[in-house]
């Protein structure tokens, strides 16, 4: 196996973890938006913005502590600021598509709203994946990753020392 296949495997693993968190966030997003659409008199896009914000909060926790838990944790304030900024762009993409469907084309039945919500989430997800991995949850520089791995191994060895070999 060449060097590239290890990188491809890592990317596939990252995409799978990103997808798992994203799927959970999508369920939250659809659940909250449909509840608000059916149980309140909020405008459809306004209710959807609230649902998107709730999903963004859930996703941050999932990305930080699951998908990207091994990434640089140096400046959490900067990380959170960037996450929220790129999430806001995703929110505008998702809700802009829903807004255009409803107010531009009059597609506002429950089915149509959900279809355009899927389209908006899909396009916004591509943007979010690229921006989060590129700018928010940056990979540790190679020397830091090696140092981190070495200290992890040293700690593990200190906690579980190898039994001494008996020489007879």
Protein backbone atom coordinates (compact mmCIF):
# COMPACT_ATOMS: atom_id res chain seq x y z
CA UNK A 1 0.00 0.00 0.00
CA UNK A 2 1.33 3.39 -0.96
CA UNK A 3 1.45 6.51 1.16
CA UNK A 4 -1.64 7.91 -0.60
CA UNK A 5 -3.93 5.05 0.41
CA UNK A 6 -3.32 5.73 4.12
CA UNK A 7 -4.34 9.35 3.55
CA UNK A 8 -7.40 8.24 1.61
CA UNK A 9 -8.36 5.85 4.44
CA UNK A 10 -7.97 8.69 6.98
CA UNK A 11 -10.14 10.97 4.83
CA UNK A 12 -12.79 8.24 4.45
CA UNK A 13 -12.76 7.74 8.25
CA UNK A 14 -13.10 11.50 8.78
CA UNK A 15 -15.95 11.73 6.25
CA UNK A 16 -17.74 8.84 8.01
CA UNK A 17 -17.41 10.50 11.44
CA UNK A 18 -18.42 13.89 9.99
CA UNK A 19 -21.40 12.15 8.38
CA UNK A 20 -22.46 10.48 11.63
CA UNK A 21 -22.44 13.80 13.50
CA UNK A 22 -24.09 15.50 10.54
CA UNK A 23 -26.82 12.84 10.41
CA UNK A 24 -27.59 13.38 14.09
CA UNK A 25 -27.65 17.14 13.53
CA UNK A 26 -29.93 16.68 10.51
CA UNK A 27 -32.39 14.64 12.58
CA UNK A 28 -32.39 17.40 15.23
CA UNK A 29 -32.79 20.04 12.49
CA UNK A 30 -35.74 18.29 10.82
CA UNK A 31 -37.36 17.42 14.15
CA UNK A 32 -37.21 20.97 15.48
CA UNK A 33 -38.26 22.62 12.20
CA UNK A 34 -41.22 20.28 11.66
CA UNK A 35 -42.34 20.68 15.29
CA UNK A 36 -42.19 24.47 14.92
CA UNK A 37 -43.91 24.37 11.52
CA UNK A 38 -46.80 22.28 12.83
CA UNK A 39 -47.14 23.52 16.42
CA UNK A 40 -46.48 27.27 16.14
CA UNK A 41 -47.50 30.13 13.90
CA UNK A 42 -43.88 31.11 13.18
CA UNK A 43 -43.05 31.84 9.53
CA UNK A 44 -41.52 28.75 7.86
CA UNK A 45 -38.07 30.26 7.27
CA UNK A 46 -37.91 31.81 10.76
CA UNK A 47 -38.78 28.42 12.32
CA UNK A 48 -36.17 26.77 10.11
CA UNK A 49 -33.49 29.26 11.21
CA UNK A 50 -34.21 28.33 14.85
CA UNK A 51 -33.95 24.61 13.97
CA UNK A 52 -30.67 25.20 12.14
CA UNK A 53 -29.20 27.05 15.15
CA UNK A 54 -30.19 24.18 17.50
CA UNK A 55 -28.57 21.68 15.09
CA UNK A 56 -25.39 23.82 14.84
CA UNK A 57 -25.02 23.71 18.65
CA UNK A 58 -25.44 19.90 18.66
CA UNK A 59 -22.99 19.55 15.78
CA UNK A 60 -20.27 21.61 17.48
CA UNK A 61 -20.29 19.23 20.43
CA UNK A 62 -20.19 16.21 18.10
CA UNK A 63 -17.42 17.59 15.90
CA UNK A 64 -15.22 18.78 18.78
CA UNK A 65 -15.56 15.67 20.97
CA UNK A 66 -15.99 12.95 18.32
CA UNK A 67 -15.06 13.77 14.71
CA UNK A 68 -12.15 16.12 15.42
CA UNK A 69 -11.24 15.24 19.02
CA UNK A 70 -7.63 14.58 17.99
CA UNK A 71 -7.22 17.98 16.28
CA UNK A 72 -5.50 21.08 17.62
CA UNK A 73 -7.28 22.30 20.76
CA UNK A 74 -5.04 25.34 21.22
CA UNK A 75 -7.40 28.29 20.89
CA UNK A 76 -10.98 27.26 21.64
CA UNK A 77 -12.31 30.84 21.42
CA UNK A 78 -10.91 31.21 17.89
CA UNK A 79 -12.15 27.72 16.97
CA UNK A 80 -15.67 28.46 18.21
CA UNK A 81 -15.72 31.88 16.50
CA UNK A 82 -14.67 30.32 13.16
CA UNK A 83 -17.13 27.44 13.64
CA UNK A 84 -19.99 29.88 14.24
CA UNK A 85 -18.95 32.10 11.30
CA UNK A 86 -18.82 29.18 8.82
CA UNK A 87 -21.99 27.70 10.36
CA UNK A 88 -23.72 31.03 9.77
CA UNK A 89 -22.74 30.87 6.08
CA UNK A 90 -24.18 27.33 5.98
CA UNK A 91 -27.34 28.62 7.68
CA UNK A 92 -27.69 31.33 5.00
CA UNK A 93 -27.18 28.75 2.22
CA UNK A 94 -29.75 26.32 3.69
CA UNK A 95 -32.35 28.94 4.55
CA UNK A 96 -31.73 30.99 1.39
CA UNK A 97 -32.72 27.96 -0.69
CA UNK A 98 -35.83 27.41 1.46
CA UNK A 99 -36.68 31.12 1.23
CA UNK A 100 -36.34 31.08 -2.59
CA UNK A 101 -38.55 27.97 -2.83
CA UNK A 102 -41.30 29.46 -0.66
CA UNK A 103 -41.24 33.14 -1.58
CA UNK A 104 -39.81 32.89 -5.08
CA UNK A 105 -41.76 29.89 -6.36
CA UNK A 106 -44.62 29.47 -3.87
CA UNK A 107 -43.52 25.93 -2.95
CA UNK A 108 -44.63 25.86 0.65
CA UNK A 109 -46.51 22.64 1.32
CA UNK A 110 -45.02 20.51 4.09
CA UNK A 111 -43.53 18.12 1.50
CA UNK A 112 -42.07 20.94 -0.60
CA UNK A 113 -40.57 22.66 2.46
CA UNK A 114 -38.89 19.40 3.49
CA UNK A 115 -37.60 18.72 -0.04
CA UNK A 116 -35.97 22.16 -0.25
CA UNK A 117 -34.68 21.77 3.29
CA UNK A 118 -32.87 18.60 2.10
CA UNK A 119 -31.44 20.45 -0.91
CA UNK A 120 -30.30 23.36 1.28
CA UNK A 121 -28.76 21.09 3.92
CA UNK A 122 -26.97 19.11 1.20
CA UNK A 123 -25.32 22.15 -0.36
CA UNK A 124 -24.58 23.71 3.04
CA UNK A 125 -23.02 20.42 4.23
CA UNK A 126 -20.48 20.40 1.41
CA UNK A 127 -19.48 23.95 2.34
CA UNK A 128 -19.33 23.13 6.05
CA UNK A 129 -17.21 20.00 5.58
CA UNK A 130 -14.65 21.93 3.54
CA UNK A 131 -14.59 24.96 5.85
CA UNK A 132 -14.55 23.07 9.17
CA UNK A 133 -11.69 20.76 8.19
CA UNK A 134 -9.73 23.56 6.47
CA UNK A 135 -10.16 26.41 8.95
CA UNK A 136 -11.87 25.36 12.19
CA UNK A 137 -10.61 21.94 13.30
CA UNK A 138 -7.12 22.16 11.83
CA UNK A 139 -4.82 19.17 11.89
CA UNK A 140 -2.00 19.39 14.36
CA UNK A 141 1.35 20.22 12.78
CA UNK A 142 3.29 16.96 12.23
CA UNK A 143 5.84 17.54 15.04
CA UNK A 144 3.04 18.28 17.53
CA UNK A 145 1.14 15.16 16.46
CA UNK A 146 4.26 13.02 16.99
CA UNK A 147 4.97 14.63 20.39
CA UNK A 148 1.33 14.13 21.36
CA UNK A 149 1.42 10.46 20.32
CA UNK A 150 4.72 9.90 22.16
CA UNK A 151 3.40 11.45 25.39
CA UNK A 152 0.21 9.38 25.09
CA UNK A 153 2.29 6.18 24.74
CA UNK A 154 4.52 7.18 27.65
CA UNK A 155 1.46 7.82 29.85
CA UNK A 156 -0.07 4.49 28.82
CA UNK A 157 3.19 2.70 29.63
CA UNK A 158 3.46 4.44 33.02
CA UNK A 159 -0.10 3.37 33.88
CA UNK A 160 0.43 -0.22 32.70
CA UNK A 161 4.08 -1.17 33.17
CA UNK A 162 5.21 -4.34 31.43
CA UNK A 163 5.80 -7.28 33.78
CA UNK A 164 9.47 -7.90 34.45
CA UNK A 165 10.83 -10.92 32.63
CA UNK A 166 12.20 -13.63 34.91
CA UNK A 167 15.56 -14.99 33.79
CA UNK A 168 16.41 -18.41 35.21
